[in-house]
């Protein structure tokens, strides 16, 4: 009986925000399939820790879980070369034709 009450309360507080959860995960992961995995894991985490939810805003609580799940998922499932920050000096463009300042000076 207690499990049914918990499930009903969870469904009322969290399930209406499934689309928002997916949209956030899709935006963070840039991939539909990855977003589906993240949302599934986030909902499992949300259900597991639903007893710790004491607020009135299930949407913000869920989206925080989706955000954190996305970051954790990307750390474990993305290749390291995708997470290395871009070094501007290493990848500097040498072509002056693409430089906005050079183009502006040419026009004058």
PDB file of N, CA and C in Angstrom:
ATOM      1  N   UNK A   1       0.819  -1.194   0.000  1.00  0.00           N
ATOM      2  CA  UNK A   1       0.000   0.000   0.000  1.00  0.00           C
ATOM      3  C   UNK A   1       0.865   1.262   0.000  1.00  0.00           C
ATOM      4  N   UNK A   2       1.889   1.295   0.828  1.00  0.00           N
ATOM      5  CA  UNK A   2       2.805   2.442   0.901  1.00  0.00           C
ATOM      6  C   UNK A   2       3.492   2.666  -0.440  1.00  0.00           C
ATOM      7  N   UNK A   3       3.865   1.576  -1.114  1.00  0.00           N
ATOM      8  CA  UNK A   3       4.531   1.666  -2.423  1.00  0.00           C
ATOM      9  C   UNK A   3       3.578   2.272  -3.458  1.00  0.00           C
ATOM     10  N   UNK A   4       2.292   1.935  -3.376  1.00  0.00           N
ATOM     11  CA  UNK A   4       1.309   2.486  -4.313  1.00  0.00           C
ATOM     12  C   UNK A   4       1.124   3.988  -4.102  1.00  0.00           C
ATOM     13  N   UNK A   5       1.138   4.407  -2.860  1.00  0.00           N
ATOM     14  CA  UNK A   5       1.013   5.839  -2.551  1.00  0.00           C
ATOM     15  C   UNK A   5       2.237   6.579  -3.083  1.00  0.00           C
ATOM     16  N   UNK A   6       3.413   6.002  -2.856  1.00  0.00           N
ATOM     17  CA  UNK A   6       4.645   6.618  -3.342  1.00  0.00           C
ATOM     18  C   UNK A   6       4.615   6.719  -4.862  1.00  0.00           C
ATOM     19  N   UNK A   7       4.199   5.677  -5.548  1.00  0.00           N
ATOM     20  CA  UNK A   7       4.139   5.672  -7.004  1.00  0.00           C
ATOM     21  C   UNK A   7       3.151   6.712  -7.514  1.00  0.00           C
ATOM     22  N   UNK A   8       1.987   6.805  -6.885  1.00  0.00           N
ATOM     23  CA  UNK A   8       0.977   7.773  -7.307  1.00  0.00           C
ATOM     24  C   UNK A   8       1.481   9.203  -7.104  1.00  0.00           C
ATOM     25  N   UNK A   9       2.124   9.461  -5.995  1.00  0.00           N
ATOM     26  CA  UNK A   9       2.657  10.787  -5.716  1.00  0.00           C
ATOM     27  C   UNK A   9       3.788  11.123  -6.685  1.00  0.00           C
ATOM     28  N   UNK A  10       4.643  10.159  -6.966  1.00  0.00           N
ATOM     29  CA  UNK A  10       5.736  10.340  -7.922  1.00  0.00           C
ATOM     30  C   UNK A  10       5.178  10.687  -9.302  1.00  0.00           C
ATOM     31  N   UNK A  11       4.167   9.941  -9.710  1.00  0.00           N
ATOM     32  CA  UNK A  11       3.555  10.180 -11.024  1.00  0.00           C
ATOM     33  C   UNK A  11       2.972  11.585 -11.113  1.00  0.00           C
ATOM     34  N   UNK A  12       2.356  12.056 -10.063  1.00  0.00           N
ATOM     35  CA  UNK A  12       1.767  13.394 -10.060  1.00  0.00           C
ATOM     36  C   UNK A  12       2.827  14.482 -10.091  1.00  0.00           C
ATOM     37  N   UNK A  13       3.919  14.282  -9.368  1.00  0.00           N
ATOM     38  CA  UNK A  13       4.939  15.323  -9.224  1.00  0.00           C
ATOM     39  C   UNK A  13       5.929  15.356 -10.375  1.00  0.00           C
ATOM     40  N   UNK A  14       6.224  14.194 -10.975  1.00  0.00           N
ATOM     41  CA  UNK A  14       7.360  14.120 -11.886  1.00  0.00           C
ATOM     42  C   UNK A  14       6.989  13.765 -13.323  1.00  0.00           C
ATOM     43  N   UNK A  15       6.054  12.865 -13.518  1.00  0.00           N
ATOM     44  CA  UNK A  15       5.745  12.419 -14.879  1.00  0.00           C
ATOM     45  C   UNK A  15       5.256  13.513 -15.826  1.00  0.00           C
ATOM     46  N   UNK A  16       4.543  14.523 -15.353  1.00  0.00           N
ATOM     47  CA  UNK A  16       4.119  15.576 -16.291  1.00  0.00           C
ATOM     48  C   UNK A  16       5.284  16.336 -16.940  1.00  0.00           C
ATOM     49  N   UNK A  17       6.470  16.182 -16.419  1.00  0.00           N
ATOM     50  CA  UNK A  17       7.627  16.937 -16.904  1.00  0.00           C
ATOM     51  C   UNK A  17       8.550  16.100 -17.792  1.00  0.00           C
ATOM     52  N   UNK A  18       8.028  15.011 -18.310  1.00  0.00           N
ATOM     53  CA  UNK A  18       8.831  14.118 -19.150  1.00  0.00           C
ATOM     54  C   UNK A  18       9.354  14.835 -20.390  1.00  0.00           C
ATOM     55  N   UNK A  19       8.537  15.622 -21.050  1.00  0.00           N
ATOM     56  CA  UNK A  19       8.975  16.338 -22.252  1.00  0.00           C
ATOM     57  C   UNK A  19      10.079  17.340 -21.932  1.00  0.00           C
ATOM     58  N   UNK A  20       9.926  18.074 -20.848  1.00  0.00           N
ATOM     59  CA  UNK A  20      10.950  19.045 -20.448  1.00  0.00           C
ATOM     60  C   UNK A  20      12.259  18.335 -20.101  1.00  0.00           C
ATOM     61  N   UNK A  21      12.156  17.178 -19.460  1.00  0.00           N
ATOM     62  CA  UNK A  21      13.345  16.405 -19.113  1.00  0.00           C
ATOM     63  C   UNK A  21      14.069  15.947 -20.379  1.00  0.00           C
ATOM     64  N   UNK A  22      13.310  15.457 -21.339  1.00  0.00           N
ATOM     65  CA  UNK A  22      13.909  15.010 -22.597  1.00  0.00           C
ATOM     66  C   UNK A  22      14.543  16.189 -23.346  1.00  0.00           C
ATOM     67  N   UNK A  23      13.837  17.312 -23.403  1.00  0.00           N
ATOM     68  CA  UNK A  23      14.378  18.478 -24.111  1.00  0.00           C
ATOM     69  C   UNK A  23      15.688  18.948 -23.501  1.00  0.00           C
ATOM     70  N   UNK A  24      15.765  18.974 -22.182  1.00  0.00           N
ATOM     71  CA  UNK A  24      17.009  19.366 -21.513  1.00  0.00           C
ATOM     72  C   UNK A  24      18.118  18.366 -21.809  1.00  0.00           C
ATOM     73  N   UNK A  25      17.818  17.092 -21.695  1.00  0.00           N
ATOM     74  CA  UNK A  25      18.831  16.059 -21.963  1.00  0.00           C
ATOM     75  C   UNK A  25      19.285  16.115 -23.418  1.00  0.00           C
ATOM     76  N   UNK A  26      18.377  16.356 -24.318  1.00  0.00           N
ATOM     77  CA  UNK A  26      18.724  16.455 -25.753  1.00  0.00           C
ATOM     78  C   UNK A  26      19.620  17.653 -25.996  1.00  0.00           C
ATOM     79  N   UNK A  27      19.331  18.755 -25.345  1.00  0.00           N
ATOM     80  CA  UNK A  27      20.138  19.964 -25.494  1.00  0.00           C
ATOM     81  C   UNK A  27      21.546  19.753 -24.934  1.00  0.00           C
ATOM     82  N   UNK A  28      21.636  19.059 -23.820  1.00  0.00           N
ATOM     83  CA  UNK A  28      22.938  18.832 -23.195  1.00  0.00           C
ATOM     84  C   UNK A  28      23.781  17.794 -23.930  1.00  0.00           C
ATOM     85  N   UNK A  29      23.148  16.741 -24.431  1.00  0.00           N
ATOM     86  CA  UNK A  29      23.903  15.653 -25.056  1.00  0.00           C
ATOM     87  C   UNK A  29      24.055  15.812 -26.561  1.00  0.00           C
ATOM     88  N   UNK A  30      23.213  16.627 -27.177  1.00  0.00           N
ATOM     89  CA  UNK A  30      23.222  16.826 -28.633  1.00  0.00           C
ATOM     90  C   UNK A  30      22.948  15.543 -29.398  1.00  0.00           C
ATOM     91  N   UNK A  31      22.183  14.630 -28.787  1.00  0.00           N
ATOM     92  CA  UNK A  31      21.909  13.349 -29.432  1.00  0.00           C
ATOM     93  C   UNK A  31      20.615  12.779 -28.857  1.00  0.00           C
ATOM     94  N   UNK A  32      19.702  12.383 -29.743  1.00  0.00           N
ATOM     95  CA  UNK A  32      18.399  11.876 -29.298  1.00  0.00           C
ATOM     96  C   UNK A  32      18.496  10.582 -28.510  1.00  0.00           C
ATOM     97  N   UNK A  33      19.291   9.648 -29.012  1.00  0.00           N
ATOM     98  CA  UNK A  33      19.415   8.353 -28.325  1.00  0.00           C
ATOM     99  C   UNK A  33      20.067   8.519 -26.957  1.00  0.00           C
ATOM    100  N   UNK A  34      21.085   9.360 -26.886  1.00  0.00           N
ATOM    101  CA  UNK A  34      21.741   9.611 -25.598  1.00  0.00           C
ATOM    102  C   UNK A  34      20.771  10.293 -24.637  1.00  0.00           C
ATOM    103  N   UNK A  35      19.970  11.207 -25.156  1.00  0.00           N
ATOM    104  CA  UNK A  35      18.991  11.903 -24.313  1.00  0.00           C
ATOM    105  C   UNK A  35      17.983  10.926 -23.724  1.00  0.00           C
ATOM    106  N   UNK A  36      17.554   9.958 -24.527  1.00  0.00           N
ATOM    107  CA  UNK A  36      16.615   8.954 -24.021  1.00  0.00           C
ATOM    108  C   UNK A  36      17.253   8.146 -22.888  1.00  0.00           C
ATOM    109  N   UNK A  37      18.513   7.772 -23.048  1.00  0.00           N
ATOM    110  CA  UNK A  37      19.216   7.031 -21.991  1.00  0.00           C
ATOM    111  C   UNK A  37      19.333   7.868 -20.726  1.00  0.00           C
ATOM    112  N   UNK A  38      19.675   9.131 -20.898  1.00  0.00           N
ATOM    113  CA  UNK A  38      19.843  10.022 -19.745  1.00  0.00           C
ATOM    114  C   UNK A  38      18.518  10.194 -19.009  1.00  0.00           C
ATOM    115  N   UNK A  39      17.432  10.404 -19.748  1.00  0.00           N
ATOM    116  CA  UNK A  39      16.123  10.603 -19.114  1.00  0.00           C
ATOM    117  C   UNK A  39      15.695   9.345 -18.368  1.00  0.00           C
ATOM    118  N   UNK A  40      15.932   8.202 -18.970  1.00  0.00           N
ATOM    119  CA  UNK A  40      15.589   6.951 -18.292  1.00  0.00           C
ATOM    120  C   UNK A  40      16.353   6.820 -16.978  1.00  0.00           C
ATOM    121  N   UNK A  41      17.647   7.083 -17.012  1.00  0.00           N
ATOM    122  CA  UNK A  41      18.457   6.999 -15.797  1.00  0.00           C
ATOM    123  C   UNK A  41      18.026   8.066 -14.785  1.00  0.00           C
ATOM    124  N   UNK A  42      17.701   9.254 -15.260  1.00  0.00           N
ATOM    125  CA  UNK A  42      17.282  10.325 -14.355  1.00  0.00           C
ATOM    126  C   UNK A  42      15.965   9.981 -13.653  1.00  0.00           C
ATOM    127  N   UNK A  43      15.025   9.387 -14.395  1.00  0.00           N
ATOM    128  CA  UNK A  43      13.760   9.001 -13.770  1.00  0.00           C
ATOM    129  C   UNK A  43      13.958   7.887 -12.751  1.00  0.00           C
ATOM    130  N   UNK A  44      14.876   6.972 -13.033  1.00  0.00           N
ATOM    131  CA  UNK A  44      15.176   5.931 -12.047  1.00  0.00           C
ATOM    132  C   UNK A  44      15.768   6.542 -10.784  1.00  0.00           C
ATOM    133  N   UNK A  45      16.676   7.495 -10.963  1.00  0.00           N
ATOM    134  CA  UNK A  45      17.258   8.176  -9.800  1.00  0.00           C
ATOM    135  C   UNK A  45      16.195   8.963  -9.040  1.00  0.00           C
ATOM    136  N   UNK A  46      15.338   9.649  -9.787  1.00  0.00           N
ATOM    137  CA  UNK A  46      14.285  10.439  -9.144  1.00  0.00           C
ATOM    138  C   UNK A  46      13.365   9.538  -8.317  1.00  0.00           C
ATOM    139  N   UNK A  47      13.011   8.392  -8.865  1.00  0.00           N
ATOM    140  CA  UNK A  47      12.133   7.485  -8.131  1.00  0.00           C
ATOM    141  C   UNK A  47      12.843   6.926  -6.891  1.00  0.00           C
ATOM    142  N   UNK A  48      14.103   6.577  -7.066  1.00  0.00           N
ATOM    143  CA  UNK A  48      14.882   6.014  -5.966  1.00  0.00           C
ATOM    144  C   UNK A  48      14.996   6.995  -4.808  1.00  0.00           C
ATOM    145  N   UNK A  49      15.139   8.278  -5.122  1.00  0.00           N
ATOM    146  CA  UNK A  49      15.344   9.289  -4.079  1.00  0.00           C
ATOM    147  C   UNK A  49      14.118  10.187  -3.872  1.00  0.00           C
ATOM    148  N   UNK A  50      12.966   9.714  -4.272  1.00  0.00           N
ATOM    149  CA  UNK A  50      11.748  10.521  -4.167  1.00  0.00           C
ATOM    150  C   UNK A  50      11.400  10.850  -2.723  1.00  0.00           C
ATOM    151  N   UNK A  51      11.811  10.038  -1.798  1.00  0.00           N
ATOM    152  CA  UNK A  51      11.545  10.316  -0.387  1.00  0.00           C
ATOM    153  C   UNK A  51      12.228  11.607   0.057  1.00  0.00           C
ATOM    154  N   UNK A  52      13.302  11.992  -0.629  1.00  0.00           N
ATOM    155  CA  UNK A  52      14.007  13.223  -0.294  1.00  0.00           C
ATOM    156  C   UNK A  52      13.397  14.462  -0.913  1.00  0.00           C
ATOM    157  N   UNK A  53      12.370  14.300  -1.744  1.00  0.00           N
ATOM    158  CA  UNK A  53      11.697  15.430  -2.366  1.00  0.00           C
ATOM    159  C   UNK A  53      10.666  15.985  -1.399  1.00  0.00           C
ATOM    160  N   UNK A  54      10.882  17.216  -0.957  1.00  0.00           N
ATOM    161  CA  UNK A  54       9.958  17.834  -0.005  1.00  0.00           C
ATOM    162  C   UNK A  54       9.401  19.146  -0.528  1.00  0.00           C
ATOM    163  N   UNK A  55       9.682  19.441  -1.759  1.00  0.00           N
ATOM    164  CA  UNK A  55       9.234  20.720  -2.306  1.00  0.00           C
ATOM    165  C   UNK A  55       7.911  20.616  -3.015  1.00  0.00           C
ATOM    166  N   UNK A  56       7.537  21.708  -3.609  1.00  0.00           N
ATOM    167  CA  UNK A  56       6.293  21.755  -4.363  1.00  0.00           C
ATOM    168  C   UNK A  56       6.556  21.749  -5.861  1.00  0.00           C
ATOM    169  N   UNK A  57       7.779  22.036  -6.259  1.00  0.00           N
ATOM    170  CA  UNK A  57       8.095  22.161  -7.675  1.00  0.00           C
ATOM    171  C   UNK A  57       8.839  20.922  -8.169  1.00  0.00           C
ATOM    172  N   UNK A  58       8.075  19.941  -8.648  1.00  0.00           N
ATOM    173  CA  UNK A  58       8.676  18.711  -9.144  1.00  0.00           C
ATOM    174  C   UNK A  58       9.483  18.929 -10.403  1.00  0.00           C
ATOM    175  N   UNK A  59       9.111  19.928 -11.185  1.00  0.00           N
ATOM    176  CA  UNK A  59       9.819  20.208 -12.440  1.00  0.00           C
ATOM    177  C   UNK A  59      11.273  20.610 -12.194  1.00  0.00           C
ATOM    178  N   UNK A  60      11.491  21.593 -11.340  1.00  0.00           N
ATOM    179  CA  UNK A  60      12.869  22.037 -11.100  1.00  0.00           C
ATOM    180  C   UNK A  60      13.690  20.942 -10.426  1.00  0.00           C
ATOM    181  N   UNK A  61      13.071  20.191  -9.538  1.00  0.00           N
ATOM    182  CA  UNK A  61      13.771  19.080  -8.879  1.00  0.00           C
ATOM    183  C   UNK A  61      14.181  18.036  -9.904  1.00  0.00           C
ATOM    184  N   UNK A  62      13.264  17.674 -10.787  1.00  0.00           N
ATOM    185  CA  UNK A  62      13.561  16.680 -11.821  1.00  0.00           C
ATOM    186  C   UNK A  62      14.614  17.185 -12.794  1.00  0.00           C
ATOM    187  N   UNK A  63      14.493  18.423 -13.235  1.00  0.00           N
ATOM    188  CA  UNK A  63      15.457  18.946 -14.212  1.00  0.00           C
ATOM    189  C   UNK A  63      16.859  19.049 -13.631  1.00  0.00           C
ATOM    190  N   UNK A  64      16.979  19.288 -12.343  1.00  0.00           N
ATOM    191  CA  UNK A  64      18.302  19.257 -11.703  1.00  0.00           C
ATOM    192  C   UNK A  64      18.875  17.837 -11.753  1.00  0.00           C
ATOM    193  N   UNK A  65      18.028  16.851 -11.542  1.00  0.00           N
ATOM    194  CA  UNK A  65      18.473  15.459 -11.628  1.00  0.00           C
ATOM    195  C   UNK A  65      18.873  15.122 -13.060  1.00  0.00           C
ATOM    196  N   UNK A  66      18.107  15.574 -14.034  1.00  0.00           N
ATOM    197  CA  UNK A  66      18.430  15.330 -15.449  1.00  0.00           C
ATOM    198  C   UNK A  66      19.768  15.975 -15.790  1.00  0.00           C
ATOM    199  N   UNK A  67      19.962  17.211 -15.362  1.00  0.00           N
ATOM    200  CA  UNK A  67      21.233  17.909 -15.626  1.00  0.00           C
ATOM    201  C   UNK A  67      22.416  17.141 -15.039  1.00  0.00           C
ATOM    202  N   UNK A  68      22.307  16.766 -13.780  1.00  0.00           N
ATOM    203  CA  UNK A  68      23.408  16.043 -13.139  1.00  0.00           C
ATOM    204  C   UNK A  68      23.616  14.668 -13.773  1.00  0.00           C
ATOM    205  N   UNK A  69      22.537  14.001 -14.118  1.00  0.00           N
ATOM    206  CA  UNK A  69      22.639  12.698 -14.777  1.00  0.00           C
ATOM    207  C   UNK A  69      23.295  12.847 -16.140  1.00  0.00           C
ATOM    208  N   UNK A  70      22.976  13.908 -16.858  1.00  0.00           N
ATOM    209  CA  UNK A  70      23.585  14.153 -18.167  1.00  0.00           C
ATOM    210  C   UNK A  70      25.090  14.315 -18.043  1.00  0.00           C
ATOM    211  N   UNK A  71      25.522  15.118 -17.093  1.00  0.00           N
ATOM    212  CA  UNK A  71      26.954  15.341 -16.914  1.00  0.00           C
ATOM    213  C   UNK A  71      27.668  14.054 -16.525  1.00  0.00           C
ATOM    214  N   UNK A  72      27.075  13.303 -15.624  1.00  0.00           N
ATOM    215  CA  UNK A  72      27.674  12.024 -15.221  1.00  0.00           C
ATOM    216  C   UNK A  72      27.707  11.062 -16.396  1.00  0.00           C
ATOM    217  N   UNK A  73      26.623  10.982 -17.140  1.00  0.00           N
ATOM    218  CA  UNK A  73      26.544  10.083 -18.288  1.00  0.00           C
ATOM    219  C   UNK A  73      27.603  10.439 -19.335  1.00  0.00           C
ATOM    220  N   UNK A  74      27.766  11.737 -19.600  1.00  0.00           N
ATOM    221  CA  UNK A  74      28.753  12.160 -20.601  1.00  0.00           C
ATOM    222  C   UNK A  74      30.177  11.865 -20.150  1.00  0.00           C
ATOM    223  N   UNK A  75      30.462  11.988 -18.870  1.00  0.00           N
ATOM    224  CA  UNK A  75      31.798  11.671 -18.354  1.00  0.00           C
ATOM    225  C   UNK A  75      32.125  10.194 -18.560  1.00  0.00           C
ATOM    226  N   UNK A  76      31.131   9.337 -18.412  1.00  0.00           N
ATOM    227  CA  UNK A  76      31.365   7.900 -18.509  1.00  0.00           C
ATOM    228  C   UNK A  76      31.229   7.343 -19.916  1.00  0.00           C
ATOM    229  N   UNK A  77      30.531   8.040 -20.802  1.00  0.00           N
ATOM    230  CA  UNK A  77      30.212   7.472 -22.112  1.00  0.00           C
ATOM    231  C   UNK A  77      30.769   8.223 -23.309  1.00  0.00           C
ATOM    232  N   UNK A  78      31.377   9.343 -23.094  1.00  0.00           N
ATOM    233  CA  UNK A  78      31.958  10.085 -24.215  1.00  0.00           C
ATOM    234  C   UNK A  78      33.462   9.824 -24.250  1.00  0.00           C
ATOM    235  N   UNK A  79      33.996   9.817 -25.456  1.00  0.00           N
ATOM    236  CA  UNK A  79      35.428   9.591 -25.578  1.00  0.00           C
ATOM    237  C   UNK A  79      36.182  10.805 -25.039  1.00  0.00           C
ATOM    238  N   UNK A  80      37.361  10.594 -24.478  1.00  0.00           N
ATOM    239  CA  UNK A  80      38.111  11.696 -23.851  1.00  0.00           C
ATOM    240  C   UNK A  80      38.434  12.834 -24.819  1.00  0.00           C
ATOM    241  N   UNK A  81      38.660  12.527 -26.089  1.00  0.00           N
ATOM    242  CA  UNK A  81      39.003  13.611 -27.013  1.00  0.00           C
ATOM    243  C   UNK A  81      37.839  14.560 -27.244  1.00  0.00           C
ATOM    244  N   UNK A  82      36.626  14.142 -26.941  1.00  0.00           N
ATOM    245  CA  UNK A  82      35.486  15.034 -27.077  1.00  0.00           C
ATOM    246  C   UNK A  82      35.356  15.984 -25.897  1.00  0.00           C
ATOM    247  N   UNK A  83      36.012  15.687 -24.805  1.00  0.00           N
ATOM    248  CA  UNK A  83      35.885  16.517 -23.619  1.00  0.00           C
ATOM    249  C   UNK A  83      37.108  17.387 -23.371  1.00  0.00           C
ATOM    250  N   UNK A  84      38.099  17.322 -24.229  1.00  0.00           N
ATOM    251  CA  UNK A  84      39.295  18.151 -24.080  1.00  0.00           C
ATOM    252  C   UNK A  84      38.953  19.562 -24.554  1.00  0.00           C
ATOM    253  N   UNK A  85      39.256  20.565 -23.756  1.00  0.00           N
ATOM    254  CA  UNK A  85      38.929  21.931 -24.167  1.00  0.00           C
ATOM    255  C   UNK A  85      39.761  22.357 -25.379  1.00  0.00           C
ATOM    256  N   UNK A  86      39.192  23.210 -26.182  1.00  0.00           N
ATOM    257  CA  UNK A  86      39.854  23.709 -27.378  1.00  0.00           C
ATOM    258  C   UNK A  86      40.970  24.664 -26.984  1.00  0.00           C
ATOM    259  N   UNK A  87      42.160  24.421 -27.498  1.00  0.00           N
ATOM    260  CA  UNK A  87      43.300  25.288 -27.260  1.00  0.00           C
ATOM    261  C   UNK A  87      43.360  26.282 -28.416  1.00  0.00           C
ATOM    262  N   UNK A  88      43.050  27.539 -28.157  1.00  0.00           N
ATOM    263  CA  UNK A  88      42.978  28.546 -29.211  1.00  0.00           C
ATOM    264  C   UNK A  88      44.306  28.723 -29.937  1.00  0.00           C
ATOM    265  N   UNK A  89      45.398  28.653 -29.220  1.00  0.00           N
ATOM    266  CA  UNK A  89      46.706  28.831 -29.852  1.00  0.00           C
ATOM    267  C   UNK A  89      47.041  27.668 -30.774  1.00  0.00           C
ATOM    268  N   UNK A  90      46.674  26.472 -30.380  1.00  0.00           N
ATOM    269  CA  UNK A  90      46.961  25.289 -31.177  1.00  0.00           C
ATOM    270  C   UNK A  90      46.117  25.260 -32.448  1.00  0.00           C
ATOM    271  N   UNK A  91      44.896  25.753 -32.368  1.00  0.00           N
ATOM    272  CA  UNK A  91      43.967  25.712 -33.484  1.00  0.00           C
ATOM    273  C   UNK A  91      43.749  27.087 -34.121  1.00  0.00           C
ATOM    274  N   UNK A  92      44.727  27.945 -34.021  1.00  0.00           N
ATOM    275  CA  UNK A  92      44.616  29.306 -34.530  1.00  0.00           C
ATOM    276  C   UNK A  92      44.522  29.302 -36.059  1.00  0.00           C
ATOM    277  N   UNK A  93      43.622  30.102 -36.570  1.00  0.00           N
ATOM    278  CA  UNK A  93      43.447  30.234 -38.018  1.00  0.00           C
ATOM    279  C   UNK A  93      44.444  31.274 -38.516  1.00  0.00           C
ATOM    280  N   UNK A  94      45.264  30.878 -39.469  1.00  0.00           N
ATOM    281  CA  UNK A  94      46.295  31.762 -39.990  1.00  0.00           C
ATOM    282  C   UNK A  94      45.841  32.552 -41.205  1.00  0.00           C
ATOM    283  N   UNK A  95      44.732  32.236 -41.779  1.00  0.00           N
ATOM    284  CA  UNK A  95      44.259  32.887 -42.975  1.00  0.00           C
ATOM    285  C   UNK A  95      43.701  34.261 -42.613  1.00  0.00           C
ATOM    286  N   UNK A  96      44.343  35.311 -43.097  1.00  0.00           N
ATOM    287  CA  UNK A  96      43.918  36.678 -42.789  1.00  0.00           C
ATOM    288  C   UNK A  96      42.645  37.068 -43.536  1.00  0.00           C
ATOM    289  N   UNK A  97      42.279  36.323 -44.595  1.00  0.00           N
ATOM    290  CA  UNK A  97      41.067  36.633 -45.340  1.00  0.00           C
ATOM    291  C   UNK A  97      39.820  36.442 -44.482  1.00  0.00           C
ATOM    292  N   UNK A  98      39.906  35.595 -43.478  1.00  0.00           N
ATOM    293  CA  UNK A  98      38.761  35.329 -42.617  1.00  0.00           C
ATOM    294  C   UNK A  98      38.711  36.252 -41.411  1.00  0.00           C
ATOM    295  N   UNK A  99      39.736  37.074 -41.247  1.00  0.00           N
ATOM    296  CA  UNK A  99      39.825  37.964 -40.102  1.00  0.00           C
ATOM    297  C   UNK A  99      38.909  39.172 -40.328  1.00  0.00           C
ATOM    298  N   UNK A 100      37.906  39.391 -39.488  1.00  0.00           N
ATOM    299  CA  UNK A 100      36.976  40.514 -39.679  1.00  0.00           C
ATOM    300  C   UNK A 100      37.689  41.870 -39.685  1.00  0.00           C
ATOM    301  N   UNK A 101      38.717  42.008 -38.877  1.00  0.00           N
ATOM    302  CA  UNK A 101      39.445  43.277 -38.834  1.00  0.00           C
ATOM    303  C   UNK A 101      40.131  43.553 -40.168  1.00  0.00           C
ATOM    304  N   UNK A 102      40.764  42.516 -40.741  1.00  0.00           N
ATOM    305  CA  UNK A 102      41.441  42.681 -42.029  1.00  0.00           C
ATOM    306  C   UNK A 102      40.443  43.005 -43.115  1.00  0.00           C
ATOM    307  N   UNK A 103      39.279  42.377 -43.107  1.00  0.00           N
ATOM    308  CA  UNK A 103      38.254  42.664 -44.104  1.00  0.00           C
ATOM    309  C   UNK A 103      37.752  44.106 -43.988  1.00  0.00           C
ATOM    310  N   UNK A 104      37.582  44.585 -42.782  1.00  0.00           N
ATOM    311  CA  UNK A 104      37.129  45.948 -42.576  1.00  0.00           C
ATOM    312  C   UNK A 104      38.154  46.942 -43.054  1.00  0.00           C
ATOM    313  N   UNK A 105      39.436  46.696 -42.769  1.00  0.00           N
ATOM    314  CA  UNK A 105      40.499  47.599 -43.221  1.00  0.00           C
ATOM    315  C   UNK A 105      40.604  47.618 -44.731  1.00  0.00           C
ATOM    316  N   UNK A 106      40.372  46.485 -45.375  1.00  0.00           N
ATOM    317  CA  UNK A 106      40.401  46.396 -46.834  1.00  0.00           C
ATOM    318  C   UNK A 106      39.300  47.240 -47.461  1.00  0.00           C
ATOM    319  N   UNK A 107      38.148  47.279 -46.798  1.00  0.00           N
ATOM    320  CA  UNK A 107      37.003  48.008 -47.338  1.00  0.00           C
ATOM    321  C   UNK A 107      37.222  49.518 -47.292  1.00  0.00           C
ATOM    322  N   UNK A 108      38.056  50.002 -46.386  1.00  0.00           N
ATOM    323  CA  UNK A 108      38.275  51.450 -46.223  1.00  0.00           C
ATOM    324  C   UNK A 108      39.344  51.962 -47.097  1.00  0.00           C
TER     325      UNK A 108
END
